[in-house]
Amino acid sequence: MRGWIDQGAVWPEGVTLKAKEKKAPTGDTLDNMELAKKIHDFIVQTSKEKAEGEMKAYDSKVPKTGIGYKMAAIQGGEFLMGSPESEQGRKDDEGPQVKVKVKPFWMGVHEVTWDEYLPS
């Protein structure tokens, strides 16, 4: 809705939107960085680093919800980030080009919402 309003939708004067705060089973709010840090720390503590050749796509389920998700193994490597100055239609914020090196990592195949992580 916020994007719709930003694009020029007429909005009644004096009316404001207030986001509904969602609570996790632990009592933390789902929109805070502390919860994100706890999730990250848990993943790091319980994961075993694998060699890139061992990384394979897999399916799993969110604990306590049964919601399935798919993960893809992304190979590490180097790439050139940004557009060359000679590219037609290039914008100023697309450069300068920089060589970037990334380690292999996992990426969700589909976007996941916070609601999928909440037990019913």
C-alpha atoms as a PDB file:
ATOM      1  CA  MET A   1       0.000   0.000   0.000  1.00  0.00           C
ATOM      2  CA  ARG A   2       2.863   2.333   0.823  1.00  0.00           C
ATOM      3  CA  GLY A   3       4.173   1.990  -2.753  1.00  0.00           C
ATOM      4  CA  TRP A   4       0.716   2.742  -4.111  1.00  0.00           C
ATOM      5  CA  ILE A   5       0.574   5.915  -2.025  1.00  0.00           C
ATOM      6  CA  ASP A   6       4.120   6.870  -3.069  1.00  0.00           C
ATOM      7  CA  GLN A   7       2.993   6.609  -6.680  1.00  0.00           C
ATOM      8  CA  GLY A   8       0.423   9.343  -6.132  1.00  0.00           C
ATOM      9  CA  ALA A   9      -2.734   7.675  -4.821  1.00  0.00           C
ATOM     10  CA  VAL A  10      -5.039  10.127  -3.065  1.00  0.00           C
ATOM     11  CA  TRP A  11      -4.828   9.608   0.682  1.00  0.00           C
ATOM     12  CA  PRO A  12      -7.171  11.242   3.232  1.00  0.00           C
ATOM     13  CA  GLU A  13      -5.500  14.027   5.172  1.00  0.00           C
ATOM     14  CA  GLY A  14      -4.738  13.163   8.787  1.00  0.00           C
ATOM     15  CA  VAL A  15      -4.999   9.381   8.254  1.00  0.00           C
ATOM     16  CA  THR A  16      -1.854   7.399   8.994  1.00  0.00           C
ATOM     17  CA  LEU A  17      -0.961   3.747   8.601  1.00  0.00           C
ATOM     18  CA  LYS A  18       0.443   1.811  11.511  1.00  0.00           C
ATOM     19  CA  ALA A  19       2.079  -1.536  10.836  1.00  0.00           C
ATOM     20  CA  LYS A  20       0.785  -4.377  12.961  1.00  0.00           C
ATOM     21  CA  GLU A  21       3.627  -5.715  15.082  1.00  0.00           C
ATOM     22  CA  LYS A  22       4.021  -9.480  14.733  1.00  0.00           C
ATOM     23  CA  LYS A  23       5.363 -11.496  17.632  1.00  0.00           C
ATOM     24  CA  ALA A  24       7.519 -14.567  17.367  1.00  0.00           C
ATOM     25  CA  PRO A  25       6.891 -17.474  19.747  1.00  0.00           C
ATOM     26  CA  THR A  26       9.839 -16.186  21.800  1.00  0.00           C
ATOM     27  CA  GLY A  27       8.130 -12.823  22.299  1.00  0.00           C
ATOM     28  CA  ASP A  28      10.593 -10.954  20.071  1.00  0.00           C
ATOM     29  CA  THR A  29       9.182  -8.777  17.337  1.00  0.00           C
ATOM     30  CA  LEU A  30       9.744 -10.162  13.864  1.00  0.00           C
ATOM     31  CA  ASP A  31      10.832  -6.845  12.427  1.00  0.00           C
ATOM     32  CA  ASN A  32      13.870  -6.266  14.600  1.00  0.00           C
ATOM     33  CA  MET A  33      17.516  -6.868  13.920  1.00  0.00           C
ATOM     34  CA  GLU A  34      18.038  -8.705  17.214  1.00  0.00           C
ATOM     35  CA  LEU A  35      15.810 -11.553  16.035  1.00  0.00           C
ATOM     36  CA  ALA A  36      17.607 -11.644  12.676  1.00  0.00           C
ATOM     37  CA  LYS A  37      20.930 -11.857  14.541  1.00  0.00           C
ATOM     38  CA  LYS A  38      19.639 -14.739  16.701  1.00  0.00           C
ATOM     39  CA  ILE A  39      18.521 -16.635  13.583  1.00  0.00           C
ATOM     40  CA  HIS A  40      21.871 -16.011  11.882  1.00  0.00           C
ATOM     41  CA  ASP A  41      23.832 -17.123  14.962  1.00  0.00           C
ATOM     42  CA  PHE A  42      21.755 -20.314  15.213  1.00  0.00           C
ATOM     43  CA  ILE A  43      22.363 -21.144  11.545  1.00  0.00           C
ATOM     44  CA  VAL A  44      26.109 -20.548  11.894  1.00  0.00           C
ATOM     45  CA  GLN A  45      26.331 -22.652  15.079  1.00  0.00           C
ATOM     46  CA  THR A  46      24.408 -25.600  13.669  1.00  0.00           C
ATOM     47  CA  SER A  47      25.761 -25.655  10.120  1.00  0.00           C
ATOM     48  CA  LYS A  48      28.725 -27.566   8.827  1.00  0.00           C
ATOM     49  CA  GLU A  49      30.712 -25.809   6.131  1.00  0.00           C
ATOM     50  CA  LYS A  50      30.826 -27.902   2.977  1.00  0.00           C
ATOM     51  CA  ALA A  51      33.209 -27.875   0.084  1.00  0.00           C
ATOM     52  CA  GLU A  52      31.661 -26.229  -2.964  1.00  0.00           C
ATOM     53  CA  GLY A  53      31.576 -29.567  -4.806  1.00  0.00           C
ATOM     54  CA  GLU A  54      29.463 -31.084  -1.994  1.00  0.00           C
ATOM     55  CA  MET A  55      26.829 -28.340  -2.115  1.00  0.00           C
ATOM     56  CA  LYS A  56      23.630 -29.581  -3.787  1.00  0.00           C
ATOM     57  CA  ALA A  57      20.150 -28.113  -4.114  1.00  0.00           C
ATOM     58  CA  TYR A  58      17.743 -29.406  -1.473  1.00  0.00           C
ATOM     59  CA  ASP A  59      14.197 -29.126  -0.127  1.00  0.00           C
ATOM     60  CA  SER A  60      13.343 -28.768   3.551  1.00  0.00           C
ATOM     61  CA  LYS A  61      10.572 -27.607   5.900  1.00  0.00           C
ATOM     62  CA  VAL A  62      10.370 -24.786   8.429  1.00  0.00           C
ATOM     63  CA  PRO A  63      10.297 -26.394  11.916  1.00  0.00           C
ATOM     64  CA  LYS A  64       6.909 -26.328  13.690  1.00  0.00           C
ATOM     65  CA  THR A  65       5.076 -25.099  10.569  1.00  0.00           C
ATOM     66  CA  GLY A  66       5.631 -27.794   7.960  1.00  0.00           C
ATOM     67  CA  ILE A  67       5.986 -25.102   5.273  1.00  0.00           C
ATOM     68  CA  GLY A  68       8.349 -26.330   2.586  1.00  0.00           C
ATOM     69  CA  TYR A  69      11.121 -24.373   0.942  1.00  0.00           C
ATOM     70  CA  LYS A  70      13.788 -25.039  -1.681  1.00  0.00           C
ATOM     71  CA  MET A  71      17.426 -23.994  -1.530  1.00  0.00           C
ATOM     72  CA  ALA A  72      19.824 -23.685  -4.464  1.00  0.00           C
ATOM     73  CA  ALA A  73      23.605 -23.961  -4.198  1.00  0.00           C
ATOM     74  CA  ILE A  74      25.254 -20.923  -5.783  1.00  0.00           C
ATOM     75  CA  GLN A  75      28.826 -21.390  -6.965  1.00  0.00           C
ATOM     76  CA  GLY A  76      31.470 -18.991  -5.817  1.00  0.00           C
ATOM     77  CA  GLY A  77      33.591 -17.050  -8.234  1.00  0.00           C
ATOM     78  CA  GLU A  78      34.457 -13.640  -9.584  1.00  0.00           C
ATOM     79  CA  PHE A  79      32.347 -11.314 -11.683  1.00  0.00           C
ATOM     80  CA  LEU A  80      32.381  -7.765 -12.910  1.00  0.00           C
ATOM     81  CA  MET A  81      29.704  -5.736 -11.099  1.00  0.00           C
ATOM     82  CA  GLY A  82      28.393  -2.590 -12.758  1.00  0.00           C
ATOM     83  CA  SER A  83      27.878  -1.452 -16.326  1.00  0.00           C
ATOM     84  CA  PRO A  84      30.589  -0.209 -18.674  1.00  0.00           C
ATOM     85  CA  GLU A  85      30.494   3.523 -19.400  1.00  0.00           C
ATOM     86  CA  SER A  86      29.940   2.727 -23.085  1.00  0.00           C
ATOM     87  CA  GLU A  87      26.674   0.815 -22.450  1.00  0.00           C
ATOM     88  CA  GLN A  88      23.675   2.451 -24.084  1.00  0.00           C
ATOM     89  CA  GLY A  89      21.147   3.680 -21.503  1.00  0.00           C
ATOM     90  CA  ARG A  90      23.619   3.341 -18.625  1.00  0.00           C
ATOM     91  CA  LYS A  91      22.780   5.405 -15.540  1.00  0.00           C
ATOM     92  CA  ASP A  92      25.324   7.145 -13.292  1.00  0.00           C
ATOM     93  CA  ASP A  93      24.629   4.785 -10.370  1.00  0.00           C
ATOM     94  CA  GLU A  94      25.596   1.695 -12.437  1.00  0.00           C
ATOM     95  CA  GLY A  95      29.327   2.259 -12.175  1.00  0.00           C
ATOM     96  CA  PRO A  96      32.183   2.209 -11.840  1.00  0.00           C
ATOM     97  CA  GLN A  97      32.697  -1.432 -12.717  1.00  0.00           C
ATOM     98  CA  VAL A  98      34.319  -3.411  -9.911  1.00  0.00           C
ATOM     99  CA  LYS A  99      35.640  -6.977  -9.836  1.00  0.00           C
ATOM    100  CA  VAL A 100      33.854  -8.854  -7.031  1.00  0.00           C
ATOM    101  CA  LYS A 101      34.748 -12.235  -5.527  1.00  0.00           C
ATOM    102  CA  VAL A 102      32.062 -14.247  -3.690  1.00  0.00           C
ATOM    103  CA  LYS A 103      32.224 -17.499  -1.742  1.00  0.00           C
ATOM    104  CA  PRO A 104      29.717 -20.265  -2.552  1.00  0.00           C
ATOM    105  CA  PHE A 105      26.409 -19.797  -0.726  1.00  0.00           C
ATOM    106  CA  TRP A 106      22.836 -21.067  -0.441  1.00  0.00           C
ATOM    107  CA  MET A 107      19.909 -19.069  -1.781  1.00  0.00           C
ATOM    108  CA  GLY A 108      16.198 -19.678  -1.434  1.00  0.00           C
ATOM    109  CA  VAL A 109      14.585 -20.540  -4.768  1.00  0.00           C
ATOM    110  CA  HIS A 110      11.445 -18.579  -3.835  1.00  0.00           C
ATOM    111  CA  GLU A 111      10.794 -15.559  -1.633  1.00  0.00           C
ATOM    112  CA  VAL A 112       9.668 -16.491   1.874  1.00  0.00           C
ATOM    113  CA  THR A 113       7.382 -14.350   4.043  1.00  0.00           C
ATOM    114  CA  TRP A 114       7.543 -13.965   7.834  1.00  0.00           C
ATOM    115  CA  ASP A 115       4.080 -15.566   8.015  1.00  0.00           C
ATOM    116  CA  GLU A 116       5.538 -18.819   6.698  1.00  0.00           C
ATOM    117  CA  TYR A 117       7.830 -18.984   9.742  1.00  0.00           C
ATOM    118  CA  LEU A 118       5.034 -18.499  12.284  1.00  0.00           C
ATOM    119  CA  PRO A 119       3.352 -21.616  13.651  1.00  0.00           C
ATOM    120  CA  SER A 120      -0.404 -21.555  13.107  1.00  0.00           C
END
